[in-house]
Amino acid sequence: MRFLIMSKSNDHFEAGGLPGPALMRRMGEFLREASAAGVLLQADGLLPSSYGARISAHDGRISVTDGPFAEAKEIVGGFAFIDARSLAEAREWGRRFAIAHDGECEVEVRQVTGPGGPGDATGGPS
């Protein structure tokens, strides 16, 4: 089952601040461990929302809002995409991801649905 582990942004990162050496070291350790366990599919940090845009479509009309966006704590700042055997295993990797961030942000773990929707054996909730 595939899971997305997301770290929420914070005011420091939204202002363009870079991760400190301790965070980079801890994230490197997490990435090496997840890779060695064979669960890591991809991981990256994201630039501040000022480098992005939100796009919505309603009744055939497209609306584009350039960043930055309000409420940094609700903005995804980075992610790890993993392949775990269960939600319990994904939560454990999420716990390790949160430890790597050491209080700098909140972490969320969400299962990715398969092509057939919820319950699909290729990734949907079981």
PDB file of N, CA and C in Angstrom:
ATOM      1  N   MET A   1       0.842  -1.177   0.000  1.00  0.00           N
ATOM      2  CA  MET A   1       0.000   0.000   0.000  1.00  0.00           C
ATOM      3  C   MET A   1       0.890   1.243   0.000  1.00  0.00           C
ATOM      4  N   ARG A   2       0.471   2.219  -0.745  1.00  0.00           N
ATOM      5  CA  ARG A   2       1.260   3.437  -0.838  1.00  0.00           C
ATOM      6  C   ARG A   2       0.693   4.504   0.118  1.00  0.00           C
ATOM      7  N   PHE A   3       1.600   5.250   0.722  1.00  0.00           N
ATOM      8  CA  PHE A   3       1.231   6.304   1.663  1.00  0.00           C
ATOM      9  C   PHE A   3       2.047   7.556   1.367  1.00  0.00           C
ATOM     10  N   LEU A   4       1.430   8.681   1.592  1.00  0.00           N
ATOM     11  CA  LEU A   4       2.112   9.965   1.486  1.00  0.00           C
ATOM     12  C   LEU A   4       2.280  10.510   2.892  1.00  0.00           C
ATOM     13  N   ILE A   5       3.509  10.743   3.282  1.00  0.00           N
ATOM     14  CA  ILE A   5       3.810  11.361   4.572  1.00  0.00           C
ATOM     15  C   ILE A   5       4.160  12.810   4.266  1.00  0.00           C
ATOM     16  N   MET A   6       3.384  13.738   4.814  1.00  0.00           N
ATOM     17  CA  MET A   6       3.580  15.160   4.512  1.00  0.00           C
ATOM     18  C   MET A   6       4.012  15.915   5.753  1.00  0.00           C
ATOM     19  N   SER A   7       4.984  16.783   5.579  1.00  0.00           N
ATOM     20  CA  SER A   7       5.339  17.700   6.654  1.00  0.00           C
ATOM     21  C   SER A   7       4.687  19.037   6.333  1.00  0.00           C
ATOM     22  N   LYS A   8       4.078  19.642   7.341  1.00  0.00           N
ATOM     23  CA  LYS A   8       3.464  20.946   7.148  1.00  0.00           C
ATOM     24  C   LYS A   8       4.562  21.998   7.216  1.00  0.00           C
ATOM     25  N   SER A   9       4.347  23.095   6.562  1.00  0.00           N
ATOM     26  CA  SER A   9       5.326  24.174   6.550  1.00  0.00           C
ATOM     27  C   SER A   9       5.243  24.952   7.862  1.00  0.00           C
ATOM     28  N   ASN A  10       6.084  25.952   8.011  1.00  0.00           N
ATOM     29  CA  ASN A  10       5.994  26.866   9.151  1.00  0.00           C
ATOM     30  C   ASN A  10       6.446  28.246   8.671  1.00  0.00           C
ATOM     31  N   ASP A  11       6.319  29.233   9.527  1.00  0.00           N
ATOM     32  CA  ASP A  11       6.637  30.608   9.129  1.00  0.00           C
ATOM     33  C   ASP A  11       8.083  30.754   8.655  1.00  0.00           C
ATOM     34  N   HIS A  12       9.002  30.036   9.284  1.00  0.00           N
ATOM     35  CA  HIS A  12      10.420  30.111   8.905  1.00  0.00           C
ATOM     36  C   HIS A  12      10.619  29.674   7.449  1.00  0.00           C
ATOM     37  N   PHE A  13      10.050  28.508   7.100  1.00  0.00           N
ATOM     38  CA  PHE A  13      10.217  27.994   5.744  1.00  0.00           C
ATOM     39  C   PHE A  13       9.414  28.805   4.732  1.00  0.00           C
ATOM     40  N   GLU A  14       8.234  29.269   5.119  1.00  0.00           N
ATOM     41  CA  GLU A  14       7.417  30.082   4.213  1.00  0.00           C
ATOM     42  C   GLU A  14       8.096  31.420   3.909  1.00  0.00           C
ATOM     43  N   ALA A  15       8.939  31.893   4.826  1.00  0.00           N
ATOM     44  CA  ALA A  15       9.680  33.138   4.599  1.00  0.00           C
ATOM     45  C   ALA A  15      10.947  32.893   3.775  1.00  0.00           C
ATOM     46  N   GLY A  16      11.146  31.651   3.345  1.00  0.00           N
ATOM     47  CA  GLY A  16      12.317  31.333   2.527  1.00  0.00           C
ATOM     48  C   GLY A  16      13.503  30.814   3.307  1.00  0.00           C
ATOM     49  N   GLY A  17      13.312  30.610   4.628  1.00  0.00           N
ATOM     50  CA  GLY A  17      14.390  30.084   5.450  1.00  0.00           C
ATOM     51  C   GLY A  17      14.747  28.663   5.068  1.00  0.00           C
ATOM     52  N   LEU A  18      16.010  28.346   5.156  1.00  0.00           N
ATOM     53  CA  LEU A  18      16.486  27.011   4.816  1.00  0.00           C
ATOM     54  C   LEU A  18      16.511  26.114   6.048  1.00  0.00           C
ATOM     55  N   PRO A  19      16.402  24.814   5.848  1.00  0.00           N
ATOM     56  CA  PRO A  19      16.539  23.894   6.983  1.00  0.00           C
ATOM     57  C   PRO A  19      17.935  24.010   7.572  1.00  0.00           C
ATOM     58  N   GLY A  20      18.020  23.923   8.876  1.00  0.00           N
ATOM     59  CA  GLY A  20      19.313  23.970   9.550  1.00  0.00           C
ATOM     60  C   GLY A  20      20.063  22.663   9.393  1.00  0.00           C
ATOM     61  N   PRO A  21      21.342  22.659   9.758  1.00  0.00           N
ATOM     62  CA  PRO A  21      22.166  21.452   9.606  1.00  0.00           C
ATOM     63  C   PRO A  21      21.634  20.259  10.398  1.00  0.00           C
ATOM     64  N   ALA A  22      21.071  20.496  11.579  1.00  0.00           N
ATOM     65  CA  ALA A  22      20.561  19.379  12.385  1.00  0.00           C
ATOM     66  C   ALA A  22      19.366  18.718  11.696  1.00  0.00           C
ATOM     67  N   LEU A  23      18.451  19.515  11.154  1.00  0.00           N
ATOM     68  CA  LEU A  23      17.303  18.957  10.433  1.00  0.00           C
ATOM     69  C   LEU A  23      17.774  18.202   9.195  1.00  0.00           C
ATOM     70  N   MET A  24      18.721  18.757   8.460  1.00  0.00           N
ATOM     71  CA  MET A  24      19.234  18.086   7.264  1.00  0.00           C
ATOM     72  C   MET A  24      19.879  16.745   7.634  1.00  0.00           C
ATOM     73  N   ARG A  25      20.610  16.703   8.745  1.00  0.00           N
ATOM     74  CA  ARG A  25      21.240  15.460   9.200  1.00  0.00           C
ATOM     75  C   ARG A  25      20.172  14.435   9.565  1.00  0.00           C
ATOM     76  N   ARG A  26      19.174  14.856  10.351  1.00  0.00           N
ATOM     77  CA  ARG A  26      18.116  13.926  10.763  1.00  0.00           C
ATOM     78  C   ARG A  26      17.315  13.417   9.562  1.00  0.00           C
ATOM     79  N   MET A  27      17.007  14.308   8.613  1.00  0.00           N
ATOM     80  CA  MET A  27      16.268  13.875   7.424  1.00  0.00           C
ATOM     81  C   MET A  27      17.110  12.922   6.577  1.00  0.00           C
ATOM     82  N   GLY A  28      18.405  13.179   6.491  1.00  0.00           N
ATOM     83  CA  GLY A  28      19.293  12.264   5.774  1.00  0.00           C
ATOM     84  C   GLY A  28      19.268  10.874   6.390  1.00  0.00           C
ATOM     85  N   GLU A  29      19.273  10.821   7.719  1.00  0.00           N
ATOM     86  CA  GLU A  29      19.205   9.538   8.417  1.00  0.00           C
ATOM     87  C   GLU A  29      17.880   8.840   8.130  1.00  0.00           C
ATOM     88  N   PHE A  30      16.781   9.593   8.183  1.00  0.00           N
ATOM     89  CA  PHE A  30      15.465   9.019   7.886  1.00  0.00           C
ATOM     90  C   PHE A  30      15.441   8.455   6.469  1.00  0.00           C
ATOM     91  N   LEU A  31      15.925   9.238   5.508  1.00  0.00           N
ATOM     92  CA  LEU A  31      15.899   8.820   4.110  1.00  0.00           C
ATOM     93  C   LEU A  31      16.750   7.579   3.876  1.00  0.00           C
ATOM     94  N   ARG A  32      17.929   7.528   4.491  1.00  0.00           N
ATOM     95  CA  ARG A  32      18.784   6.345   4.355  1.00  0.00           C
ATOM     96  C   ARG A  32      18.105   5.112   4.956  1.00  0.00           C
ATOM     97  N   GLU A  33      17.487   5.280   6.134  1.00  0.00           N
ATOM     98  CA  GLU A  33      16.819   4.168   6.807  1.00  0.00           C
ATOM     99  C   GLU A  33      15.615   3.663   5.995  1.00  0.00           C
ATOM    100  N   ALA A  34      14.780   4.583   5.513  1.00  0.00           N
ATOM    101  CA  ALA A  34      13.601   4.196   4.726  1.00  0.00           C
ATOM    102  C   ALA A  34      14.011   3.561   3.399  1.00  0.00           C
ATOM    103  N   SER A  35      15.077   4.066   2.814  1.00  0.00           N
ATOM    104  CA  SER A  35      15.573   3.505   1.555  1.00  0.00           C
ATOM    105  C   SER A  35      16.120   2.101   1.785  1.00  0.00           C
ATOM    106  N   ALA A  36      16.901   1.921   2.843  1.00  0.00           N
ATOM    107  CA  ALA A  36      17.477   0.613   3.157  1.00  0.00           C
ATOM    108  C   ALA A  36      16.381  -0.412   3.463  1.00  0.00           C
ATOM    109  N   ALA A  37      15.262   0.039   4.043  1.00  0.00           N
ATOM    110  CA  ALA A  37      14.140  -0.854   4.358  1.00  0.00           C
ATOM    111  C   ALA A  37      13.308  -1.171   3.116  1.00  0.00           C
ATOM    112  N   GLY A  38      13.578  -0.468   2.021  1.00  0.00           N
ATOM    113  CA  GLY A  38      12.855  -0.721   0.781  1.00  0.00           C
ATOM    114  C   GLY A  38      11.471  -0.106   0.708  1.00  0.00           C
ATOM    115  N   VAL A  39      11.169   0.853   1.599  1.00  0.00           N
ATOM    116  CA  VAL A  39       9.829   1.462   1.581  1.00  0.00           C
ATOM    117  C   VAL A  39       9.798   2.820   0.889  1.00  0.00           C
ATOM    118  N   LEU A  40      10.919   3.493   0.790  1.00  0.00           N
ATOM    119  CA  LEU A  40      10.941   4.848   0.242  1.00  0.00           C
ATOM    120  C   LEU A  40      10.819   4.829  -1.276  1.00  0.00           C
ATOM    121  N   LEU A  41       9.804   5.529  -1.790  1.00  0.00           N
ATOM    122  CA  LEU A  41       9.625   5.664  -3.232  1.00  0.00           C
ATOM    123  C   LEU A  41      10.172   7.004  -3.714  1.00  0.00           C
ATOM    124  N   GLN A  42       9.925   8.066  -2.937  1.00  0.00           N
ATOM    125  CA  GLN A  42      10.422   9.397  -3.284  1.00  0.00           C
ATOM    126  C   GLN A  42      10.277  10.299  -2.064  1.00  0.00           C
ATOM    127  N   ALA A  43      11.115  11.310  -1.957  1.00  0.00           N
ATOM    128  CA  ALA A  43      11.009  12.299  -0.885  1.00  0.00           C
ATOM    129  C   ALA A  43      11.622  13.599  -1.370  1.00  0.00           C
ATOM    130  N   ASP A  44      10.984  14.698  -1.022  1.00  0.00           N
ATOM    131  CA  ASP A  44      11.482  16.023  -1.387  1.00  0.00           C
ATOM    132  C   ASP A  44      10.906  17.060  -0.460  1.00  0.00           C
ATOM    133  N   GLY A  45      11.586  18.184  -0.383  1.00  0.00           N
ATOM    134  CA  GLY A  45      11.045  19.366   0.263  1.00  0.00           C
ATOM    135  C   GLY A  45      10.441  20.252  -0.810  1.00  0.00           C
ATOM    136  N   LEU A  46       9.570  21.141  -0.419  1.00  0.00           N
ATOM    137  CA  LEU A  46       8.931  22.050  -1.362  1.00  0.00           C
ATOM    138  C   LEU A  46       9.361  23.483  -1.094  1.00  0.00           C
ATOM    139  N   LEU A  47       9.443  24.272  -2.142  1.00  0.00           N
ATOM    140  CA  LEU A  47       9.732  25.694  -1.988  1.00  0.00           C
ATOM    141  C   LEU A  47       8.558  26.368  -1.285  1.00  0.00           C
ATOM    142  N   PRO A  48       8.753  27.564  -0.747  1.00  0.00           N
ATOM    143  CA  PRO A  48       7.647  28.288  -0.107  1.00  0.00           C
ATOM    144  C   PRO A  48       6.482  28.483  -1.074  1.00  0.00           C
ATOM    145  N   SER A  49       5.292  28.657  -0.513  1.00  0.00           N
ATOM    146  CA  SER A  49       4.092  28.798  -1.344  1.00  0.00           C
ATOM    147  C   SER A  49       4.150  30.039  -2.237  1.00  0.00           C
ATOM    148  N   SER A  50       5.032  30.981  -1.953  1.00  0.00           N
ATOM    149  CA  SER A  50       5.174  32.160  -2.817  1.00  0.00           C
ATOM    150  C   SER A  50       5.668  31.773  -4.206  1.00  0.00           C
ATOM    151  N   TYR A  51       6.212  30.555  -4.347  1.00  0.00           N
ATOM    152  CA  TYR A  51       6.666  30.061  -5.644  1.00  0.00           C
ATOM    153  C   TYR A  51       5.581  29.243  -6.353  1.00  0.00           C
ATOM    154  N   GLY A  52       4.386  29.185  -5.761  1.00  0.00           N
ATOM    155  CA  GLY A  52       3.336  28.337  -6.305  1.00  0.00           C
ATOM    156  C   GLY A  52       2.078  29.099  -6.658  1.00  0.00           C
ATOM    157  N   ALA A  53       1.079  28.350  -7.050  1.00  0.00           N
ATOM    158  CA  ALA A  53      -0.230  28.900  -7.390  1.00  0.00           C
ATOM    159  C   ALA A  53      -1.284  27.874  -7.024  1.00  0.00           C
ATOM    160  N   ARG A  54      -2.468  28.351  -6.694  1.00  0.00           N
ATOM    161  CA  ARG A  54      -3.630  27.484  -6.485  1.00  0.00           C
ATOM    162  C   ARG A  54      -4.558  27.690  -7.667  1.00  0.00           C
ATOM    163  N   ILE A  55      -5.011  26.584  -8.219  1.00  0.00           N
ATOM    164  CA  ILE A  55      -5.868  26.641  -9.402  1.00  0.00           C
ATOM    165  C   ILE A  55      -7.158  25.903  -9.080  1.00  0.00           C
ATOM    166  N   SER A  56      -8.284  26.529  -9.372  1.00  0.00           N
ATOM    167  CA  SER A  56      -9.571  25.867  -9.157  1.00  0.00           C
ATOM    168  C   SER A  56     -10.446  26.049 -10.383  1.00  0.00           C
ATOM    169  N   ALA A  57     -11.376  25.124 -10.538  1.00  0.00           N
ATOM    170  CA  ALA A  57     -12.321  25.183 -11.647  1.00  0.00           C
ATOM    171  C   ALA A  57     -13.726  25.039 -11.086  1.00  0.00           C
ATOM    172  N   HIS A  58     -14.604  25.980 -11.443  1.00  0.00           N
ATOM    173  CA  HIS A  58     -16.002  25.955 -11.015  1.00  0.00           C
ATOM    174  C   HIS A  58     -16.868  26.369 -12.200  1.00  0.00           C
ATOM    175  N   ASP A  59     -17.795  25.502 -12.575  1.00  0.00           N
ATOM    176  CA  ASP A  59     -18.710  25.794 -13.683  1.00  0.00           C
ATOM    177  C   ASP A  59     -17.971  26.244 -14.940  1.00  0.00           C
ATOM    178  N   GLY A  60     -16.855  25.592 -15.241  1.00  0.00           N
ATOM    179  CA  GLY A  60     -16.115  25.911 -16.452  1.00  0.00           C
ATOM    180  C   GLY A  60     -15.201  27.122 -16.335  1.00  0.00           C
ATOM    181  N   ARG A  61     -15.190  27.790 -15.202  1.00  0.00           N
ATOM    182  CA  ARG A  61     -14.304  28.947 -15.000  1.00  0.00           C
ATOM    183  C   ARG A  61     -13.079  28.525 -14.213  1.00  0.00           C
ATOM    184  N   ILE A  62     -11.941  28.973 -14.690  1.00  0.00           N
ATOM    185  CA  ILE A  62     -10.676  28.679 -14.023  1.00  0.00           C
ATOM    186  C   ILE A  62     -10.254  29.899 -13.220  1.00  0.00           C
ATOM    187  N   SER A  63      -9.840  29.638 -11.990  1.00  0.00           N
ATOM    188  CA  SER A  63      -9.348  30.696 -11.112  1.00  0.00           C
ATOM    189  C   SER A  63      -7.932  30.330 -10.681  1.00  0.00           C
ATOM    190  N   VAL A  64      -7.015  31.280 -10.823  1.00  0.00           N
ATOM    191  CA  VAL A  64      -5.626  31.061 -10.421  1.00  0.00           C
ATOM    192  C   VAL A  64      -5.267  32.099  -9.369  1.00  0.00           C
ATOM    193  N   THR A  65      -4.772  31.617  -8.236  1.00  0.00           N
ATOM    194  CA  THR A  65      -4.325  32.498  -7.160  1.00  0.00           C
ATOM    195  C   THR A  65      -2.850  32.228  -6.930  1.00  0.00           C
ATOM    196  N   ASP A  66      -2.033  33.240  -7.141  1.00  0.00           N
ATOM    197  CA  ASP A  66      -0.604  33.088  -6.893  1.00  0.00           C
ATOM    198  C   ASP A  66      -0.326  33.121  -5.401  1.00  0.00           C
ATOM    199  N   GLY A  67       0.721  32.397  -4.991  1.00  0.00           N
ATOM    200  CA  GLY A  67       1.135  32.405  -3.588  1.00  0.00           C
ATOM    201  C   GLY A  67       1.785  33.716  -3.250  1.00  0.00           C
ATOM    202  N   PRO A  68       2.072  33.994  -2.027  1.00  0.00           N
ATOM    203  CA  PRO A  68       2.015  33.055  -0.901  1.00  0.00           C
ATOM    204  C   PRO A  68       0.588  32.881  -0.383  1.00  0.00           C
ATOM    205  N   PHE A  69       0.396  31.777   0.341  1.00  0.00           N
ATOM    206  CA  PHE A  69      -0.891  31.463   0.906  1.00  0.00           C
ATOM    207  C   PHE A  69      -0.853  31.666   2.415  1.00  0.00           C
ATOM    208  N   ALA A  70      -1.995  31.936   2.990  1.00  0.00           N
ATOM    209  CA  ALA A  70      -2.099  32.149   4.440  1.00  0.00           C
ATOM    210  C   ALA A  70      -1.950  30.818   5.180  1.00  0.00           C
ATOM    211  N   GLU A  71      -1.741  30.923   6.480  1.00  0.00           N
ATOM    212  CA  GLU A  71      -1.683  29.761   7.369  1.00  0.00           C
ATOM    213  C   GLU A  71      -0.620  28.750   6.964  1.00  0.00           C
ATOM    214  N   ALA A  72       0.624  29.095   7.197  1.00  0.00           N
ATOM    215  CA  ALA A  72       1.744  28.221   6.847  1.00  0.00           C
ATOM    216  C   ALA A  72       1.574  26.818   7.415  1.00  0.00           C
ATOM    217  N   LYS A  73       0.960  26.700   8.594  1.00  0.00           N
ATOM    218  CA  LYS A  73       0.826  25.379   9.216  1.00  0.00           C
ATOM    219  C   LYS A  73      -0.095  24.447   8.434  1.00  0.00           C
ATOM    220  N   GLU A  74      -0.835  24.970   7.470  1.00  0.00           N
ATOM    221  CA  GLU A  74      -1.728  24.155   6.645  1.00  0.00           C
ATOM    222  C   GLU A  74      -1.129  23.869   5.266  1.00  0.00           C
ATOM    223  N   ILE A  75       0.058  24.361   4.988  1.00  0.00           N
ATOM    224  CA  ILE A  75       0.699  24.213   3.687  1.00  0.00           C
ATOM    225  C   ILE A  75       1.706  23.076   3.753  1.00  0.00           C
ATOM    226  N   VAL A  76       1.662  22.187   2.767  1.00  0.00           N
ATOM    227  CA  VAL A  76       2.624  21.085   2.715  1.00  0.00           C
ATOM    228  C   VAL A  76       4.001  21.666   2.406  1.00  0.00           C
ATOM    229  N   GLY A  77       4.983  21.296   3.215  1.00  0.00           N
ATOM    230  CA  GLY A  77       6.334  21.806   3.042  1.00  0.00           C
ATOM    231  C   GLY A  77       7.299  20.768   2.497  1.00  0.00           C
ATOM    232  N   GLY A  78       6.939  19.501   2.627  1.00  0.00           N
ATOM    233  CA  GLY A  78       7.786  18.426   2.137  1.00  0.00           C
ATOM    234  C   GLY A  78       7.021  17.120   2.234  1.00  0.00           C
ATOM    235  N   PHE A  79       7.586  16.066   1.633  1.00  0.00           N
ATOM    236  CA  PHE A  79       6.874  14.799   1.641  1.00  0.00           C
ATOM    237  C   PHE A  79       7.822  13.624   1.483  1.00  0.00           C
ATOM    238  N   ALA A  80       7.326  12.475   1.906  1.00  0.00           N
ATOM    239  CA  ALA A  80       7.957  11.188   1.613  1.00  0.00           C
ATOM    240  C   ALA A  80       6.841  10.290   1.096  1.00  0.00           C
ATOM    241  N   PHE A  81       7.069   9.668  -0.023  1.00  0.00           N
ATOM    242  CA  PHE A  81       6.113   8.753  -0.627  1.00  0.00           C
ATOM    243  C   PHE A  81       6.641   7.358  -0.367  1.00  0.00           C
ATOM    244  N   ILE A  82       5.872   6.528   0.365  1.00  0.00           N
ATOM    245  CA  ILE A  82       6.378   5.217   0.775  1.00  0.00           C
ATOM    246  C   ILE A  82       5.440   4.101   0.334  1.00  0.00           C
ATOM    247  N   ASP A  83       5.963   2.900   0.340  1.00  0.00           N
ATOM    248  CA  ASP A  83       5.192   1.691   0.076  1.00  0.00           C
ATOM    249  C   ASP A  83       5.316   0.826   1.323  1.00  0.00           C
ATOM    250  N   ALA A  84       4.245   0.793   2.118  1.00  0.00           N
ATOM    251  CA  ALA A  84       4.248   0.046   3.385  1.00  0.00           C
ATOM    252  C   ALA A  84       3.224  -1.082   3.326  1.00  0.00           C
ATOM    253  N   ARG A  85       3.405  -2.072   4.185  1.00  0.00           N
ATOM    254  CA  ARG A  85       2.502  -3.226   4.200  1.00  0.00           C
ATOM    255  C   ARG A  85       1.170  -2.934   4.880  1.00  0.00           C
ATOM    256  N   SER A  86       1.136  -1.894   5.734  1.00  0.00           N
ATOM    257  CA  SER A  86      -0.081  -1.624   6.495  1.00  0.00           C
ATOM    258  C   SER A  86      -0.086  -0.178   6.974  1.00  0.00           C
ATOM    259  N   LEU A  87      -1.238   0.261   7.438  1.00  0.00           N
ATOM    260  CA  LEU A  87      -1.332   1.593   8.022  1.00  0.00           C
ATOM    261  C   LEU A  87      -0.450   1.679   9.265  1.00  0.00           C
ATOM    262  N   ALA A  88      -0.398   0.616  10.042  1.00  0.00           N
ATOM    263  CA  ALA A  88       0.452   0.617  11.242  1.00  0.00           C
ATOM    264  C   ALA A  88       1.917   0.856  10.870  1.00  0.00           C
ATOM    265  N   GLU A  89       2.392   0.196   9.812  1.00  0.00           N
ATOM    266  CA  GLU A  89       3.776   0.401   9.385  1.00  0.00           C
ATOM    267  C   GLU A  89       3.962   1.831   8.873  1.00  0.00           C
ATOM    268  N   ALA A  90       2.985   2.334   8.104  1.00  0.00           N
ATOM    269  CA  ALA A  90       3.071   3.708   7.595  1.00  0.00           C
ATOM    270  C   ALA A  90       3.093   4.711   8.752  1.00  0.00           C
ATOM    271  N   ARG A  91       2.301   4.465   9.783  1.00  0.00           N
ATOM    272  CA  ARG A  91       2.314   5.346  10.965  1.00  0.00           C
ATOM    273  C   ARG A  91       3.678   5.338  11.630  1.00  0.00           C
ATOM    274  N   GLU A  92       4.318   4.172  11.684  1.00  0.00           N
ATOM    275  CA  GLU A  92       5.659   4.093  12.275  1.00  0.00           C
ATOM    276  C   GLU A  92       6.652   4.926  11.462  1.00  0.00           C
ATOM    277  N   TRP A  93       6.582   4.839  10.129  1.00  0.00           N
ATOM    278  CA  TRP A  93       7.462   5.672   9.302  1.00  0.00           C
ATOM    279  C   TRP A  93       7.101   7.144   9.481  1.00  0.00           C
ATOM    280  N   GLY A  94       5.814   7.453   9.621  1.00  0.00           N
ATOM    281  CA  GLY A  94       5.388   8.826   9.890  1.00  0.00           C
ATOM    282  C   GLY A  94       5.932   9.328  11.214  1.00  0.00           C
ATOM    283  N   ARG A  95       5.961   8.465  12.214  1.00  0.00           N
ATOM    284  CA  ARG A  95       6.526   8.825  13.522  1.00  0.00           C
ATOM    285  C   ARG A  95       8.006   9.164  13.374  1.00  0.00           C
ATOM    286  N   ARG A  96       8.720   8.363  12.614  1.00  0.00           N
ATOM    287  CA  ARG A  96      10.150   8.615  12.396  1.00  0.00           C
ATOM    288  C   ARG A  96      10.368   9.914  11.608  1.00  0.00           C
ATOM    289  N   PHE A  97       9.482  10.161  10.651  1.00  0.00           N
ATOM    290  CA  PHE A  97       9.546  11.404   9.862  1.00  0.00           C
ATOM    291  C   PHE A  97       9.341  12.605  10.787  1.00  0.00           C
ATOM    292  N   ALA A  98       8.377  12.492  11.712  1.00  0.00           N
ATOM    293  CA  ALA A  98       8.117  13.571  12.677  1.00  0.00           C
ATOM    294  C   ALA A  98       9.312  13.769  13.608  1.00  0.00           C
ATOM    295  N   ILE A  99       9.908  12.678  14.058  1.00  0.00           N
ATOM    296  CA  ILE A  99      11.090  12.780  14.922  1.00  0.00           C
ATOM    297  C   ILE A  99      12.219  13.502  14.182  1.00  0.00           C
ATOM    298  N   ALA A 100      12.375  13.194  12.888  1.00  0.00           N
ATOM    299  CA  ALA A 100      13.414  13.858  12.099  1.00  0.00           C
ATOM    300  C   ALA A 100      13.180  15.364  12.058  1.00  0.00           C
ATOM    301  N   HIS A 101      11.914  15.782  12.047  1.00  0.00           N
ATOM    302  CA  HIS A 101      11.587  17.211  12.021  1.00  0.00           C
ATOM    303  C   HIS A 101      11.643  17.839  13.412  1.00  0.00           C
ATOM    304  N   ASP A 102      11.686  17.026  14.446  1.00  0.00           N
ATOM    305  CA  ASP A 102      11.914  17.446  15.831  1.00  0.00           C
ATOM    306  C   ASP A 102      11.160  18.710  16.236  1.00  0.00           C
ATOM    307  N   GLY A 103       9.849  18.686  16.094  1.00  0.00           N
ATOM    308  CA  GLY A 103       9.031  19.801  16.553  1.00  0.00           C
ATOM    309  C   GLY A 103       8.939  20.983  15.615  1.00  0.00           C
ATOM    310  N   GLU A 104       9.611  20.923  14.457  1.00  0.00           N
ATOM    311  CA  GLU A 104       9.576  22.053  13.530  1.00  0.00           C
ATOM    312  C   GLU A 104       8.279  22.117  12.738  1.00  0.00           C
ATOM    313  N   CYS A 105       7.544  21.015  12.685  1.00  0.00           N
ATOM    314  CA  CYS A 105       6.287  21.015  11.946  1.00  0.00           C
ATOM    315  C   CYS A 105       5.456  19.798  12.328  1.00  0.00           C
ATOM    316  N   GLU A 106       4.203  19.845  11.929  1.00  0.00           N
ATOM    317  CA  GLU A 106       3.303  18.714  12.106  1.00  0.00           C
ATOM    318  C   GLU A 106       3.448  17.800  10.896  1.00  0.00           C
ATOM    319  N   VAL A 107       3.232  16.507  11.104  1.00  0.00           N
ATOM    320  CA  VAL A 107       3.351  15.520  10.036  1.00  0.00           C
ATOM    321  C   VAL A 107       2.016  14.799   9.883  1.00  0.00           C
ATOM    322  N   GLU A 108       1.642  14.533   8.651  1.00  0.00           N
ATOM    323  CA  GLU A 108       0.394  13.829   8.350  1.00  0.00           C
ATOM    324  C   GLU A 108       0.706  12.625   7.474  1.00  0.00           C
ATOM    325  N   VAL A 109       0.027  11.509   7.718  1.00  0.00           N
ATOM    326  CA  VAL A 109       0.178  10.290   6.918  1.00  0.00           C
ATOM    327  C   VAL A 109      -1.171   9.999   6.273  1.00  0.00           C
ATOM    328  N   ARG A 110      -1.169   9.833   4.944  1.00  0.00           N
ATOM    329  CA  ARG A 110      -2.408   9.538   4.222  1.00  0.00           C
ATOM    330  C   ARG A 110      -2.159   8.421   3.230  1.00  0.00           C
ATOM    331  N   GLN A 111      -3.076   7.446   3.216  1.00  0.00           N
ATOM    332  CA  GLN A 111      -2.971   6.363   2.246  1.00  0.00           C
ATOM    333  C   GLN A 111      -3.394   6.875   0.878  1.00  0.00           C
ATOM    334  N   VAL A 112      -2.710   6.397  -0.150  1.00  0.00           N
ATOM    335  CA  VAL A 112      -3.007   6.770  -1.524  1.00  0.00           C
ATOM    336  C   VAL A 112      -3.940   5.708  -2.092  1.00  0.00           C
ATOM    337  N   THR A 113      -5.032   6.143  -2.681  1.00  0.00           N
ATOM    338  CA  THR A 113      -5.977   5.197  -3.250  1.00  0.00           C
ATOM    339  C   THR A 113      -5.470   4.644  -4.572  1.00  0.00           C
ATOM    340  N   GLY A 114      -5.867   3.438  -4.892  1.00  0.00           N
ATOM    341  CA  GLY A 114      -5.484   2.823  -6.160  1.00  0.00           C
ATOM    342  C   GLY A 114      -6.366   3.316  -7.291  1.00  0.00           C
ATOM    343  N   PRO A 115      -6.067   2.906  -8.510  1.00  0.00           N
ATOM    344  CA  PRO A 115      -6.829   3.353  -9.670  1.00  0.00           C
ATOM    345  C   PRO A 115      -8.322   3.029  -9.572  1.00  0.00           C
ATOM    346  N   GLY A 116      -8.672   1.955  -8.846  1.00  0.00           N
ATOM    347  CA  GLY A 116     -10.069   1.563  -8.725  1.00  0.00           C
ATOM    348  C   GLY A 116     -10.802   2.229  -7.581  1.00  0.00           C
ATOM    349  N   GLY A 117     -10.155   3.170  -6.901  1.00  0.00           N
ATOM    350  CA  GLY A 117     -10.790   3.870  -5.792  1.00  0.00           C
ATOM    351  C   GLY A 117     -10.574   3.151  -4.470  1.00  0.00           C
ATOM    352  N   PRO A 118     -11.272   3.586  -3.416  1.00  0.00           N
ATOM    353  CA  PRO A 118     -11.108   2.984  -2.092  1.00  0.00           C
ATOM    354  C   PRO A 118     -11.325   1.478  -2.131  1.00  0.00           C
ATOM    355  N   GLY A 119     -10.447   0.748  -1.472  1.00  0.00           N
ATOM    356  CA  GLY A 119     -10.539  -0.700  -1.424  1.00  0.00           C
ATOM    357  C   GLY A 119      -9.772  -1.396  -2.529  1.00  0.00           C
ATOM    358  N   ASP A 120      -9.267  -0.657  -3.500  1.00  0.00           N
ATOM    359  CA  ASP A 120      -8.495  -1.251  -4.598  1.00  0.00           C
ATOM    360  C   ASP A 120      -7.221  -1.865  -4.007  1.00  0.00           C
ATOM    361  N   ALA A 121      -6.930  -3.093  -4.370  1.00  0.00           N
ATOM    362  CA  ALA A 121      -5.761  -3.797  -3.826  1.00  0.00           C
ATOM    363  C   ALA A 121      -4.449  -3.134  -4.192  1.00  0.00           C
ATOM    364  N   THR A 122      -4.447  -2.220  -5.171  1.00  0.00           N
ATOM    365  CA  THR A 122      -3.193  -1.585  -5.560  1.00  0.00           C
ATOM    366  C   THR A 122      -2.884  -0.365  -4.718  1.00  0.00           C
ATOM    367  N   GLY A 123      -3.693  -0.076  -3.722  1.00  0.00           N
ATOM    368  CA  GLY A 123      -3.337   1.055  -2.871  1.00  0.00           C
ATOM    369  C   GLY A 123      -4.482   1.629  -2.076  1.00  0.00           C
ATOM    370  N   GLY A 124      -5.690   1.210  -2.277  1.00  0.00           N
ATOM    371  CA  GLY A 124      -6.833   1.775  -1.560  1.00  0.00           C
ATOM    372  C   GLY A 124      -6.945   1.243  -0.155  1.00  0.00           C
ATOM    373  N   PRO A 125      -7.756   1.896   0.687  1.00  0.00           N
ATOM    374  CA  PRO A 125      -7.944   1.444   2.061  1.00  0.00           C
ATOM    375  C   PRO A 125      -8.457   0.020   2.103  1.00  0.00           C
ATOM    376  N   SER A 126      -7.953  -0.759   3.059  1.00  0.00           N
ATOM    377  CA  SER A 126      -8.404  -2.139   3.172  1.00  0.00           C
ATOM    378  C   SER A 126      -9.457  -2.268   4.244  1.00  0.00           C
TER     379      SER A 126
END
